[in-house]
PDB file of N, CA and C in Angstrom:
ATOM      1  N   MET A   1     -25.579   2.331  18.352  1.00  0.00           N
ATOM      2  CA  MET A   1     -24.902   2.784  19.223  1.00  0.00           C
ATOM      3  C   MET A   1     -25.921   4.016  20.127  1.00  0.00           C
ATOM      4  N   HIS A   2     -25.872   3.666  21.531  1.00  0.00           N
ATOM      5  CA  HIS A   2     -27.026   4.308  22.204  1.00  0.00           C
ATOM      6  C   HIS A   2     -26.218   5.863  23.498  1.00  0.00           C
ATOM      7  N   PHE A   3     -26.313   6.627  23.548  1.00  0.00           N
ATOM      8  CA  PHE A   3     -25.662   7.776  24.437  1.00  0.00           C
ATOM      9  C   PHE A   3     -26.407   8.786  24.711  1.00  0.00           C
ATOM     10  N   SER A   4     -27.078   9.299  25.620  1.00  0.00           N
ATOM     11  CA  SER A   4     -27.056  10.771  25.770  1.00  0.00           C
ATOM     12  C   SER A   4     -26.673  11.928  25.948  1.00  0.00           C
ATOM     13  N   VAL A   5     -26.735  12.972  25.373  1.00  0.00           N
ATOM     14  CA  VAL A   5     -26.764  14.391  26.184  1.00  0.00           C
ATOM     15  C   VAL A   5     -27.442  15.331  26.646  1.00  0.00           C
ATOM     16  N   ASN A   6     -27.347  16.239  27.607  1.00  0.00           N
ATOM     17  CA  ASN A   6     -28.244  16.827  28.773  1.00  0.00           C
ATOM     18  C   ASN A   6     -29.898  16.174  28.797  1.00  0.00           C
ATOM     19  N   ARG A   7     -29.764  14.662  29.275  1.00  0.00           N
ATOM     20  CA  ARG A   7     -30.630  14.503  29.738  1.00  0.00           C
ATOM     21  C   ARG A   7     -31.614  14.116  28.383  1.00  0.00           C
ATOM     22  N   LYS A   8     -30.839  13.934  26.313  1.00  0.00           N
ATOM     23  CA  LYS A   8     -31.559  13.475  25.261  1.00  0.00           C
ATOM     24  C   LYS A   8     -31.079  12.295  25.373  1.00  0.00           C
ATOM     25  N   GLN A   9     -31.701  11.011  24.265  1.00  0.00           N
ATOM     26  CA  GLN A   9     -31.790  10.550  24.188  1.00  0.00           C
ATOM     27  C   GLN A   9     -31.397  10.058  22.799  1.00  0.00           C
ATOM     28  N   TYR A  10     -30.117   9.691  22.415  1.00  0.00           N
ATOM     29  CA  TYR A  10     -29.474   9.741  20.689  1.00  0.00           C
ATOM     30  C   TYR A  10     -29.660   7.724  21.113  1.00  0.00           C
ATOM     31  N   ASN A  11     -29.790   7.146  19.835  1.00  0.00           N
ATOM     32  CA  ASN A  11     -29.778   5.761  19.021  1.00  0.00           C
ATOM     33  C   ASN A  11     -28.677   5.581  17.326  1.00  0.00           C
ATOM     34  N   ASN A  12     -28.157   6.940  16.876  1.00  0.00           N
ATOM     35  CA  ASN A  12     -27.628   6.611  16.068  1.00  0.00           C
ATOM     36  C   ASN A  12     -26.238   6.727  16.017  1.00  0.00           C
ATOM     37  N   GLY A  13     -24.917   6.269  15.739  1.00  0.00           N
ATOM     38  CA  GLY A  13     -23.204   6.968  15.616  1.00  0.00           C
ATOM     39  C   GLY A  13     -23.161   7.663  15.041  1.00  0.00           C
ATOM     40  N   TYR A  14     -21.922   8.429  15.567  1.00  0.00           N
ATOM     41  CA  TYR A  14     -21.274   9.147  14.984  1.00  0.00           C
ATOM     42  C   TYR A  14     -20.554   9.439  14.650  1.00  0.00           C
ATOM     43  N   TYR A  15     -19.825  10.067  13.898  1.00  0.00           N
ATOM     44  CA  TYR A  15     -18.198  10.032  13.291  1.00  0.00           C
ATOM     45  C   TYR A  15     -17.616  11.021  13.130  1.00  0.00           C
ATOM     46  N   LEU A  16     -16.598  10.570  13.923  1.00  0.00           N
ATOM     47  CA  LEU A  16     -15.462  12.480  13.780  1.00  0.00           C
ATOM     48  C   LEU A  16     -15.119  12.681  12.646  1.00  0.00           C
ATOM     49  N   ALA A  17     -15.225  13.319  12.183  1.00  0.00           N
ATOM     50  CA  ALA A  17     -14.895  14.001  10.369  1.00  0.00           C
ATOM     51  C   ALA A  17     -14.163  15.137  10.682  1.00  0.00           C
ATOM     52  N   ASP A  18     -13.863  15.659   9.708  1.00  0.00           N
ATOM     53  CA  ASP A  18     -12.630  16.778   9.076  1.00  0.00           C
ATOM     54  C   ASP A  18     -13.127  17.629   8.181  1.00  0.00           C
ATOM     55  N   GLY A  19     -13.166  18.882   7.538  1.00  0.00           N
ATOM     56  CA  GLY A  19     -13.894  19.091   7.081  1.00  0.00           C
ATOM     57  C   GLY A  19     -14.135  18.983   5.669  1.00  0.00           C
ATOM     58  N   ILE A  20     -13.371  18.047   4.759  1.00  0.00           N
ATOM     59  CA  ILE A  20     -13.748  17.551   3.839  1.00  0.00           C
ATOM     60  C   ILE A  20     -15.681  16.811   3.236  1.00  0.00           C
ATOM     61  N   TYR A  21     -16.314  16.487   4.801  1.00  0.00           N
ATOM     62  CA  TYR A  21     -17.017  15.241   4.802  1.00  0.00           C
ATOM     63  C   TYR A  21     -18.549  16.073   4.283  1.00  0.00           C
ATOM     64  N   PRO A  22     -19.060  16.102   3.652  1.00  0.00           N
ATOM     65  CA  PRO A  22     -20.669  16.703   3.938  1.00  0.00           C
ATOM     66  C   PRO A  22     -20.835  17.227   5.072  1.00  0.00           C
ATOM     67  N   GLN A  23     -21.957  17.819   5.515  1.00  0.00           N
ATOM     68  CA  GLN A  23     -22.948  18.137   6.170  1.00  0.00           C
ATOM     69  C   GLN A  23     -23.291  17.300   6.632  1.00  0.00           C
ATOM     70  N   TRP A  24     -23.360  16.138   7.474  1.00  0.00           N
ATOM     71  CA  TRP A  24     -24.916  14.646   7.626  1.00  0.00           C
ATOM     72  C   TRP A  24     -24.730  15.149   9.447  1.00  0.00           C
ATOM     73  N   ALA A  25     -25.751  14.794  10.158  1.00  0.00           N
ATOM     74  CA  ALA A  25     -25.506  14.999  11.050  1.00  0.00           C
ATOM     75  C   ALA A  25     -25.069  14.220  12.119  1.00  0.00           C
ATOM     76  N   ALA A  26     -24.609  12.510  11.473  1.00  0.00           N
ATOM     77  CA  ALA A  26     -23.829  11.520  12.020  1.00  0.00           C
ATOM     78  C   ALA A  26     -22.528  12.067  11.865  1.00  0.00           C
ATOM     79  N   PHE A  27     -22.329  12.952  10.880  1.00  0.00           N
ATOM     80  CA  PHE A  27     -20.360  13.988  10.649  1.00  0.00           C
ATOM     81  C   PHE A  27     -20.240  14.277  12.222  1.00  0.00           C
ATOM     82  N   VAL A  28     -19.531  15.328  12.586  1.00  0.00           N
ATOM     83  CA  VAL A  28     -18.692  15.765  13.781  1.00  0.00           C
ATOM     84  C   VAL A  28     -17.919  16.140  13.712  1.00  0.00           C
ATOM     85  N   LYS A  29     -18.214  17.205  13.304  1.00  0.00           N
ATOM     86  CA  LYS A  29     -16.890  18.079  13.073  1.00  0.00           C
ATOM     87  C   LYS A  29     -15.742  19.238  13.086  1.00  0.00           C
ATOM     88  N   SER A  30     -14.960  19.562  14.097  1.00  0.00           N
ATOM     89  CA  SER A  30     -14.295  20.850  14.542  1.00  0.00           C
ATOM     90  C   SER A  30     -14.538  21.807  14.478  1.00  0.00           C
ATOM     91  N   ILE A  31     -14.924  22.261  15.383  1.00  0.00           N
ATOM     92  CA  ILE A  31     -14.621  23.939  15.877  1.00  0.00           C
ATOM     93  C   ILE A  31     -14.351  24.878  15.048  1.00  0.00           C
ATOM     94  N   ALA A  32     -13.978  25.416  13.791  1.00  0.00           N
ATOM     95  CA  ALA A  32     -12.977  25.949  12.629  1.00  0.00           C
ATOM     96  C   ALA A  32     -12.443  27.271  13.595  1.00  0.00           C
ATOM     97  N   ALA A  33     -13.709  28.232  14.504  1.00  0.00           N
ATOM     98  CA  ALA A  33     -12.996  29.564  15.055  1.00  0.00           C
ATOM     99  C   ALA A  33     -13.251  28.998  16.210  1.00  0.00           C
ATOM    100  N   PRO A  34     -12.430  28.420  17.317  1.00  0.00           N
ATOM    101  CA  PRO A  34     -13.303  28.954  18.802  1.00  0.00           C
ATOM    102  C   PRO A  34     -13.607  30.570  19.432  1.00  0.00           C
ATOM    103  N   GLN A  35     -14.573  30.285  19.533  1.00  0.00           N
ATOM    104  CA  GLN A  35     -14.586  31.655  20.288  1.00  0.00           C
ATOM    105  C   GLN A  35     -14.532  31.486  22.020  1.00  0.00           C
ATOM    106  N   SER A  36     -14.999  31.047  22.558  1.00  0.00           N
ATOM    107  CA  SER A  36     -14.718  30.965  24.074  1.00  0.00           C
ATOM    108  C   SER A  36     -13.746  29.722  24.113  1.00  0.00           C
ATOM    109  N   ASP A  37     -13.195  29.474  25.360  1.00  0.00           N
ATOM    110  CA  ASP A  37     -12.489  28.429  26.299  1.00  0.00           C
ATOM    111  C   ASP A  37     -13.055  27.094  26.108  1.00  0.00           C
ATOM    112  N   LYS A  38     -14.188  26.841  26.274  1.00  0.00           N
ATOM    113  CA  LYS A  38     -15.116  25.166  25.962  1.00  0.00           C
ATOM    114  C   LYS A  38     -15.135  25.450  24.833  1.00  0.00           C
ATOM    115  N   ASP A  39     -15.304  26.038  24.023  1.00  0.00           N
ATOM    116  CA  ASP A  39     -15.234  25.141  22.719  1.00  0.00           C
ATOM    117  C   ASP A  39     -13.872  25.380  22.085  1.00  0.00           C
ATOM    118  N   THR A  40     -12.335  25.682  22.326  1.00  0.00           N
ATOM    119  CA  THR A  40     -10.901  25.949  22.139  1.00  0.00           C
ATOM    120  C   THR A  40     -10.619  24.160  22.286  1.00  0.00           C
ATOM    121  N   VAL A  41     -11.143  24.259  23.764  1.00  0.00           N
ATOM    122  CA  VAL A  41     -11.319  22.591  24.758  1.00  0.00           C
ATOM    123  C   VAL A  41     -11.927  22.125  23.583  1.00  0.00           C
ATOM    124  N   TYR A  42     -12.394  22.056  23.766  1.00  0.00           N
ATOM    125  CA  TYR A  42     -13.800  20.622  23.216  1.00  0.00           C
ATOM    126  C   TYR A  42     -12.960  21.243  21.390  1.00  0.00           C
ATOM    127  N   ALA A  43     -12.318  21.666  20.125  1.00  0.00           N
ATOM    128  CA  ALA A  43     -11.478  21.990  19.548  1.00  0.00           C
ATOM    129  C   ALA A  43     -10.728  21.293  19.806  1.00  0.00           C
ATOM    130  N   GLN A  44     -10.007  20.246  20.417  1.00  0.00           N
ATOM    131  CA  GLN A  44      -8.791  20.447  20.792  1.00  0.00           C
ATOM    132  C   GLN A  44      -9.194  19.023  20.858  1.00  0.00           C
ATOM    133  N   ALA A  45      -9.926  18.781  21.654  1.00  0.00           N
ATOM    134  CA  ALA A  45     -10.418  17.021  21.877  1.00  0.00           C
ATOM    135  C   ALA A  45     -10.651  16.588  20.879  1.00  0.00           C
ATOM    136  N   GLN A  46     -11.154  16.960  20.291  1.00  0.00           N
ATOM    137  CA  GLN A  46     -11.961  16.946  19.037  1.00  0.00           C
ATOM    138  C   GLN A  46     -10.923  16.029  18.422  1.00  0.00           C
ATOM    139  N   GLU A  47     -10.022  17.481  17.991  1.00  0.00           N
ATOM    140  CA  GLU A  47      -9.027  17.413  16.841  1.00  0.00           C
ATOM    141  C   GLU A  47      -7.639  15.915  17.296  1.00  0.00           C
ATOM    142  N   SER A  48      -7.319  16.277  18.396  1.00  0.00           N
ATOM    143  CA  SER A  48      -6.840  15.192  19.126  1.00  0.00           C
ATOM    144  C   SER A  48      -7.141  14.012  18.628  1.00  0.00           C
ATOM    145  N   ALA A  49      -8.572  13.256  18.603  1.00  0.00           N
ATOM    146  CA  ALA A  49      -9.591  11.476  19.334  1.00  0.00           C
ATOM    147  C   ALA A  49      -8.843  11.888  17.381  1.00  0.00           C
ATOM    148  N   ARG A  50      -9.469  12.984  16.667  1.00  0.00           N
ATOM    149  CA  ARG A  50      -9.487  11.635  15.531  1.00  0.00           C
ATOM    150  C   ARG A  50      -8.466  12.000  14.502  1.00  0.00           C
ATOM    151  N   LYS A  51      -7.563  12.984  15.440  1.00  0.00           N
ATOM    152  CA  LYS A  51      -6.201  12.363  14.936  1.00  0.00           C
ATOM    153  C   LYS A  51      -5.778  10.796  15.448  1.00  0.00           C
ATOM    154  N   ASP A  52      -5.672  10.900  15.873  1.00  0.00           N
ATOM    155  CA  ASP A  52      -5.325   9.246  17.065  1.00  0.00           C
ATOM    156  C   ASP A  52      -5.998   7.979  16.012  1.00  0.00           C
ATOM    157  N   ILE A  53      -7.587   8.919  15.524  1.00  0.00           N
ATOM    158  CA  ILE A  53      -7.922   7.807  15.064  1.00  0.00           C
ATOM    159  C   ILE A  53      -7.249   7.244  13.226  1.00  0.00           C
ATOM    160  N   GLU A  54      -6.820   8.510  12.387  1.00  0.00           N
ATOM    161  CA  GLU A  54      -6.373   8.351  11.735  1.00  0.00           C
ATOM    162  C   GLU A  54      -5.007   7.604  11.396  1.00  0.00           C
ATOM    163  N   ARG A  55      -3.629   8.030  12.396  1.00  0.00           N
ATOM    164  CA  ARG A  55      -3.063   7.157  13.321  1.00  0.00           C
ATOM    165  C   ARG A  55      -3.375   6.089  13.180  1.00  0.00           C
ATOM    166  N   VAL A  56      -3.552   5.036  14.647  1.00  0.00           N
ATOM    167  CA  VAL A  56      -4.445   3.972  13.855  1.00  0.00           C
ATOM    168  C   VAL A  56      -4.406   3.250  12.769  1.00  0.00           C
ATOM    169  N   PHE A  57      -6.062   3.903  11.235  1.00  0.00           N
ATOM    170  CA  PHE A  57      -6.041   3.549  10.347  1.00  0.00           C
ATOM    171  C   PHE A  57      -4.722   3.515   9.534  1.00  0.00           C
ATOM    172  N   GLY A  58      -4.100   4.498   9.245  1.00  0.00           N
ATOM    173  CA  GLY A  58      -2.969   3.843   8.594  1.00  0.00           C
ATOM    174  C   GLY A  58      -1.879   2.432   8.768  1.00  0.00           C
ATOM    175  N   VAL A  59      -1.684   3.081  10.441  1.00  0.00           N
ATOM    176  CA  VAL A  59      -0.802   1.538  10.928  1.00  0.00           C
ATOM    177  C   VAL A  59      -1.256   0.300  11.061  1.00  0.00           C
ATOM    178  N   LEU A  60      -2.712   0.218  10.562  1.00  0.00           N
ATOM    179  CA  LEU A  60      -3.260  -0.934  10.371  1.00  0.00           C
ATOM    180  C   LEU A  60      -4.126  -1.577   8.746  1.00  0.00           C
ATOM    181  N   GLN A  61      -3.635  -0.507   8.018  1.00  0.00           N
ATOM    182  CA  GLN A  61      -3.720   0.150   6.649  1.00  0.00           C
ATOM    183  C   GLN A  61      -1.811  -0.525   5.917  1.00  0.00           C
ATOM    184  N   SER A  62      -1.091   0.269   7.064  1.00  0.00           N
ATOM    185  CA  SER A  62       0.294  -0.547   6.296  1.00  0.00           C
ATOM    186  C   SER A  62       0.695  -2.213   6.854  1.00  0.00           C
ATOM    187  N   ARG A  63      -0.170  -2.511   7.967  1.00  0.00           N
ATOM    188  CA  ARG A  63       0.834  -4.023   8.199  1.00  0.00           C
ATOM    189  C   ARG A  63      -0.655  -4.936   7.430  1.00  0.00           C
ATOM    190  N   PHE A  64      -1.419  -4.373   7.035  1.00  0.00           N
ATOM    191  CA  PHE A  64      -2.776  -5.101   7.003  1.00  0.00           C
ATOM    192  C   PHE A  64      -3.226  -4.659   5.424  1.00  0.00           C
ATOM    193  N   ASN A  65      -2.844  -5.629   5.058  1.00  0.00           N
ATOM    194  CA  ASN A  65      -3.108  -4.875   3.935  1.00  0.00           C
ATOM    195  C   ASN A  65      -5.360  -4.728   3.132  1.00  0.00           C
ATOM    196  N   ILE A  66      -5.316  -6.255   3.908  1.00  0.00           N
ATOM    197  CA  ILE A  66      -7.469  -6.549   4.090  1.00  0.00           C
ATOM    198  C   ILE A  66      -7.323  -4.861   3.939  1.00  0.00           C
ATOM    199  N   VAL A  67      -7.340  -3.626   5.370  1.00  0.00           N
ATOM    200  CA  VAL A  67      -7.970  -2.785   5.880  1.00  0.00           C
ATOM    201  C   VAL A  67      -8.325  -1.819   4.270  1.00  0.00           C
ATOM    202  N   ASP A  68      -6.948  -2.292   3.472  1.00  0.00           N
ATOM    203  CA  ASP A  68      -6.416  -0.386   2.373  1.00  0.00           C
ATOM    204  C   ASP A  68      -7.044  -0.888   1.021  1.00  0.00           C
ATOM    205  N   ARG A  69      -8.503  -2.487   0.813  1.00  0.00           N
ATOM    206  CA  ARG A  69      -9.396  -2.374   0.311  1.00  0.00           C
ATOM    207  C   ARG A  69     -10.709  -2.052   0.558  1.00  0.00           C
ATOM    208  N   PRO A  70     -10.963  -1.399  -0.798  1.00  0.00           N
ATOM    209  CA  PRO A  70     -12.913  -1.027  -0.500  1.00  0.00           C
ATOM    210  C   PRO A  70     -13.765  -1.536  -0.486  1.00  0.00           C
ATOM    211  N   ALA A  71     -14.626  -1.596   0.692  1.00  0.00           N
ATOM    212  CA  ALA A  71     -15.426  -2.240   1.893  1.00  0.00           C
ATOM    213  C   ALA A  71     -16.651  -2.494   1.440  1.00  0.00           C
ATOM    214  N   ARG A  72     -17.110  -1.446   0.640  1.00  0.00           N
ATOM    215  CA  ARG A  72     -18.380  -1.253  -0.033  1.00  0.00           C
ATOM    216  C   ARG A  72     -19.659  -2.003  -0.163  1.00  0.00           C
ATOM    217  N   LYS A  73     -19.381  -3.244  -0.845  1.00  0.00           N
ATOM    218  CA  LYS A  73     -20.044  -4.746  -0.761  1.00  0.00           C
ATOM    219  C   LYS A  73     -20.002  -5.348   0.592  1.00  0.00           C
ATOM    220  N   TRP A  74     -19.247  -5.004   1.195  1.00  0.00           N
ATOM    221  CA  TRP A  74     -19.770  -6.533   2.327  1.00  0.00           C
ATOM    222  C   TRP A  74     -20.604  -5.671   3.172  1.00  0.00           C
ATOM    223  N   LYS A  75     -20.658  -6.478   4.487  1.00  0.00           N
ATOM    224  CA  LYS A  75     -21.685  -6.166   5.602  1.00  0.00           C
ATOM    225  C   LYS A  75     -20.800  -5.904   6.683  1.00  0.00           C
ATOM    226  N   ARG A  76     -21.857  -4.780   6.703  1.00  0.00           N
ATOM    227  CA  ARG A  76     -20.933  -3.918   8.620  1.00  0.00           C
ATOM    228  C   ARG A  76     -21.026  -5.248   9.054  1.00  0.00           C
ATOM    229  N   VAL A  77     -21.529  -5.912   9.520  1.00  0.00           N
ATOM    230  CA  VAL A  77     -21.173  -7.217  10.272  1.00  0.00           C
ATOM    231  C   VAL A  77     -19.455  -7.750  10.417  1.00  0.00           C
ATOM    232  N   ASP A  78     -19.695  -8.476   9.275  1.00  0.00           N
ATOM    233  CA  ASP A  78     -18.114  -8.135   8.228  1.00  0.00           C
ATOM    234  C   ASP A  78     -16.939  -7.793   8.550  1.00  0.00           C
ATOM    235  N   VAL A  79     -17.432  -5.906   7.884  1.00  0.00           N
ATOM    236  CA  VAL A  79     -16.047  -5.207   8.179  1.00  0.00           C
ATOM    237  C   VAL A  79     -15.967  -5.019   9.253  1.00  0.00           C
ATOM    238  N   GLY A  80     -16.884  -4.352  10.329  1.00  0.00           N
ATOM    239  CA  GLY A  80     -16.620  -4.791  12.140  1.00  0.00           C
ATOM    240  C   GLY A  80     -15.673  -5.903  12.890  1.00  0.00           C
ATOM    241  N   GLN A  81     -15.629  -7.433  12.543  1.00  0.00           N
ATOM    242  CA  GLN A  81     -15.307  -8.263  12.765  1.00  0.00           C
ATOM    243  C   GLN A  81     -13.886  -8.527  11.799  1.00  0.00           C
ATOM    244  N   ILE A  82     -13.788  -8.181  10.405  1.00  0.00           N
ATOM    245  CA  ILE A  82     -12.497  -8.017  10.398  1.00  0.00           C
ATOM    246  C   ILE A  82     -11.575  -6.108  11.117  1.00  0.00           C
ATOM    247  N   MET A  83     -11.460  -5.784  11.249  1.00  0.00           N
ATOM    248  CA  MET A  83     -11.418  -4.567  12.050  1.00  0.00           C
ATOM    249  C   MET A  83     -11.169  -5.113  13.406  1.00  0.00           C
ATOM    250  N   GLN A  84     -12.238  -5.713  14.485  1.00  0.00           N
ATOM    251  CA  GLN A  84     -11.109  -6.197  15.123  1.00  0.00           C
ATOM    252  C   GLN A  84      -9.981  -7.005  15.180  1.00  0.00           C
ATOM    253  N   ALA A  85      -9.998  -8.426  14.449  1.00  0.00           N
ATOM    254  CA  ALA A  85      -8.926  -8.984  14.530  1.00  0.00           C
ATOM    255  C   ALA A  85      -8.022  -8.321  13.844  1.00  0.00           C
ATOM    256  N   CYS A  86      -7.499  -7.771  12.983  1.00  0.00           N
ATOM    257  CA  CYS A  86      -6.197  -6.656  12.437  1.00  0.00           C
ATOM    258  C   CYS A  86      -6.378  -6.038  13.866  1.00  0.00           C
ATOM    259  N   ILE A  87      -7.548  -5.028  14.678  1.00  0.00           N
ATOM    260  CA  ILE A  87      -6.600  -4.942  16.150  1.00  0.00           C
ATOM    261  C   ILE A  87      -6.270  -5.057  16.984  1.00  0.00           C
ATOM    262  N   ILE A  88      -7.437  -6.923  17.441  1.00  0.00           N
ATOM    263  CA  ILE A  88      -5.978  -7.868  18.135  1.00  0.00           C
ATOM    264  C   ILE A  88      -5.004  -7.917  17.492  1.00  0.00           C
ATOM    265  N   LEU A  89      -4.437  -8.673  15.776  1.00  0.00           N
ATOM    266  CA  LEU A  89      -3.787  -9.315  16.075  1.00  0.00           C
ATOM    267  C   LEU A  89      -2.357  -7.551  15.889  1.00  0.00           C
ATOM    268  N   HIS A  90      -2.755  -6.862  16.323  1.00  0.00           N
ATOM    269  CA  HIS A  90      -1.935  -5.876  16.610  1.00  0.00           C
ATOM    270  C   HIS A  90      -1.442  -6.236  17.406  1.00  0.00           C
ATOM    271  N   ASN A  91      -2.317  -5.930  18.352  1.00  0.00           N
ATOM    272  CA  ASN A  91      -1.312  -5.174  19.660  1.00  0.00           C
ATOM    273  C   ASN A  91      -1.260  -7.151  20.411  1.00  0.00           C
ATOM    274  N   MET A  92      -1.579  -8.025  19.341  1.00  0.00           N
ATOM    275  CA  MET A  92      -0.800  -9.365  19.827  1.00  0.00           C
ATOM    276  C   MET A  92       0.808  -9.492  19.376  1.00  0.00           C
ATOM    277  N   ILE A  93       1.428  -8.539  18.451  1.00  0.00           N
ATOM    278  CA  ILE A  93       2.688  -8.100  17.527  1.00  0.00           C
ATOM    279  C   ILE A  93       3.198  -6.867  17.879  1.00  0.00           C
ATOM    280  N   ILE A  94       2.515  -5.896  18.910  1.00  0.00           N
ATOM    281  CA  ILE A  94       3.057  -4.939  19.862  1.00  0.00           C
ATOM    282  C   ILE A  94       3.521  -6.448  21.365  1.00  0.00           C
ATOM    283  N   GLU A  95       2.857  -6.334  21.182  1.00  0.00           N
ATOM    284  CA  GLU A  95       3.078  -7.180  22.674  1.00  0.00           C
ATOM    285  C   GLU A  95       4.220  -8.310  22.820  1.00  0.00           C
ATOM    286  N   ASP A  96       4.398  -8.638  21.631  1.00  0.00           N
ATOM    287  CA  ASP A  96       4.993  -9.246  21.595  1.00  0.00           C
ATOM    288  C   ASP A  96       6.506  -9.329  21.375  1.00  0.00           C
ATOM    289  N   GLN A  97       6.643  -7.810  21.664  1.00  0.00           N
ATOM    290  CA  GLN A  97       7.629  -7.078  20.544  1.00  0.00           C
ATOM    291  C   GLN A  97       8.103  -6.678  21.647  1.00  0.00           C
ATOM    292  N   ARG A  98       7.107  -6.142  22.153  1.00  0.00           N
ATOM    293  CA  ARG A  98       7.791  -5.647  24.029  1.00  0.00           C
ATOM    294  C   ARG A  98       8.407  -6.398  24.575  1.00  0.00           C
ATOM    295  N   GLN A  99       8.189  -8.031  24.917  1.00  0.00           N
ATOM    296  CA  GLN A  99       9.376  -8.928  25.578  1.00  0.00           C
ATOM    297  C   GLN A  99      10.909  -9.340  25.779  1.00  0.00           C
ATOM    298  N   PRO A 100      11.500  -8.886  25.566  1.00  0.00           N
ATOM    299  CA  PRO A 100      12.753  -9.381  25.453  1.00  0.00           C
ATOM    300  C   PRO A 100      12.710 -10.980  26.415  1.00  0.00           C
ATOM    301  N   GLY A 101      13.980 -11.334  24.690  1.00  0.00           N
ATOM    302  CA  GLY A 101      13.569 -13.130  24.519  1.00  0.00           C
ATOM    303  C   GLY A 101      13.131 -13.222  24.969  1.00  0.00           C
ATOM    304  N   ALA A 102      11.117 -12.362  24.182  1.00  0.00           N
ATOM    305  CA  ALA A 102      10.989 -14.311  24.545  1.00  0.00           C
ATOM    306  C   ALA A 102      11.349 -15.869  23.454  1.00  0.00           C
ATOM    307  N   MET A 103      10.360 -16.366  23.197  1.00  0.00           N
ATOM    308  CA  MET A 103      10.896 -17.690  23.213  1.00  0.00           C
ATOM    309  C   MET A 103       9.844 -17.217  22.086  1.00  0.00           C
ATOM    310  N   SER A 104      10.522 -18.263  20.345  1.00  0.00           N
ATOM    311  CA  SER A 104       9.710 -18.068  19.423  1.00  0.00           C
ATOM    312  C   SER A 104       8.815 -19.738  19.880  1.00  0.00           C
ATOM    313  N   PHE A 105       7.594 -19.626  19.343  1.00  0.00           N
ATOM    314  CA  PHE A 105       6.795 -20.382  19.050  1.00  0.00           C
ATOM    315  C   PHE A 105       6.567 -20.911  17.546  1.00  0.00           C
ATOM    316  N   ASP A 106       7.518 -22.446  17.140  1.00  0.00           N
ATOM    317  CA  ASP A 106       6.913 -22.294  16.053  1.00  0.00           C
ATOM    318  C   ASP A 106       5.859 -23.712  15.688  1.00  0.00           C
ATOM    319  N   LEU A 107       5.179 -24.349  15.235  1.00  0.00           N
ATOM    320  CA  LEU A 107       3.909 -24.585  15.187  1.00  0.00           C
ATOM    321  C   LEU A 107       4.668 -26.342  14.737  1.00  0.00           C
ATOM    322  N   ASN A 108       4.847 -25.730  14.358  1.00  0.00           N
ATOM    323  CA  ASN A 108       6.366 -27.103  13.274  1.00  0.00           C
ATOM    324  C   ASN A 108       7.570 -28.242  13.832  1.00  0.00           C
ATOM    325  N   SER A 109       7.005 -26.913  15.243  1.00  0.00           N
ATOM    326  CA  SER A 109       8.538 -27.918  15.988  1.00  0.00           C
ATOM    327  C   SER A 109       8.457 -29.500  16.324  1.00  0.00           C
ATOM    328  N   THR A 110       6.512 -29.997  16.261  1.00  0.00           N
ATOM    329  CA  THR A 110       6.900 -31.502  17.058  1.00  0.00           C
ATOM    330  C   THR A 110       7.380 -32.218  16.252  1.00  0.00           C
ATOM    331  N   PRO A 111       7.433 -33.052  16.149  1.00  0.00           N
ATOM    332  CA  PRO A 111       8.055 -34.494  14.484  1.00  0.00           C
ATOM    333  C   PRO A 111       6.681 -34.774  14.598  1.00  0.00           C
ATOM    334  N   GLY A 112       6.698 -34.862  13.618  1.00  0.00           N
ATOM    335  CA  GLY A 112       5.732 -35.534  13.145  1.00  0.00           C
ATOM    336  C   GLY A 112       3.540 -35.063  12.909  1.00  0.00           C
ATOM    337  N   LEU A 113       4.244 -33.693  13.341  1.00  0.00           N
ATOM    338  CA  LEU A 113       2.543 -33.198  13.178  1.00  0.00           C
ATOM    339  C   LEU A 113       3.063 -32.138  12.789  1.00  0.00           C
ATOM    340  N   LEU A 114       2.142 -31.852  11.697  1.00  0.00           N
ATOM    341  CA  LEU A 114       2.339 -30.660  11.299  1.00  0.00           C
ATOM    342  C   LEU A 114       0.446 -29.950  11.176  1.00  0.00           C
ATOM    343  N   TYR A 115       1.179 -28.258  11.058  1.00  0.00           N
ATOM    344  CA  TYR A 115      -0.026 -27.758  11.783  1.00  0.00           C
ATOM    345  C   TYR A 115       0.027 -26.460  10.692  1.00  0.00           C
ATOM    346  N   ALA A 116       1.080 -26.138  10.356  1.00  0.00           N
ATOM    347  CA  ALA A 116       1.327 -24.695   8.978  1.00  0.00           C
ATOM    348  C   ALA A 116       2.114 -25.894   7.722  1.00  0.00           C
ATOM    349  N   LEU A 117       2.141 -25.461   6.675  1.00  0.00           N
ATOM    350  CA  LEU A 117       2.719 -25.799   5.830  1.00  0.00           C
ATOM    351  C   LEU A 117       3.585 -24.995   5.789  1.00  0.00           C
ATOM    352  N   PRO A 118       5.438 -25.703   5.051  1.00  0.00           N
ATOM    353  CA  PRO A 118       6.488 -24.999   4.813  1.00  0.00           C
ATOM    354  C   PRO A 118       6.088 -24.206   4.029  1.00  0.00           C
ATOM    355  N   GLN A 119       7.067 -22.637   3.576  1.00  0.00           N
ATOM    356  CA  GLN A 119       7.346 -22.010   2.605  1.00  0.00           C
ATOM    357  C   GLN A 119       7.270 -23.283   1.428  1.00  0.00           C
ATOM    358  N   GLN A 120       7.540 -22.963   0.129  1.00  0.00           N
ATOM    359  CA  GLN A 120       8.186 -23.168  -1.076  1.00  0.00           C
ATOM    360  C   GLN A 120       8.939 -22.473  -1.627  1.00  0.00           C
ATOM    361  N   SER A 121       9.609 -22.879  -2.341  1.00  0.00           N
ATOM    362  CA  SER A 121      10.452 -21.761  -3.087  1.00  0.00           C
ATOM    363  C   SER A 121       9.770 -21.839  -4.612  1.00  0.00           C
ATOM    364  N   VAL A 122       9.604 -20.533  -5.334  1.00  0.00           N
ATOM    365  CA  VAL A 122       9.244 -20.436  -6.755  1.00  0.00           C
ATOM    366  C   VAL A 122       9.998 -21.035  -7.765  1.00  0.00           C
TER     367      VAL A 122
END
């Protein structure tokens, strides 16, 4: 990730974190005891963004089992693509649920064409 602050270029990514993470440069933690109004506004915005991200991952973990599994041995690109796919699927589900009276989509509705196997009882 490339970004600049006060005309200084940074090339490393960063992560919003809370107090349980170690003191690494990649982890941006909230200001524990803000002294000025500027620090208070920053701390509230950072904490709000971190909580939003935690909620999103909670939703994805409950909806898609793959997000809940350890991924340490996976390639970084694969993890990114899985997360993007889960987010896209989640957004598609939400959009579909918001449309009242939407037509159902059945891949097996055309006789002779079988796209998805019917469920078999065990």
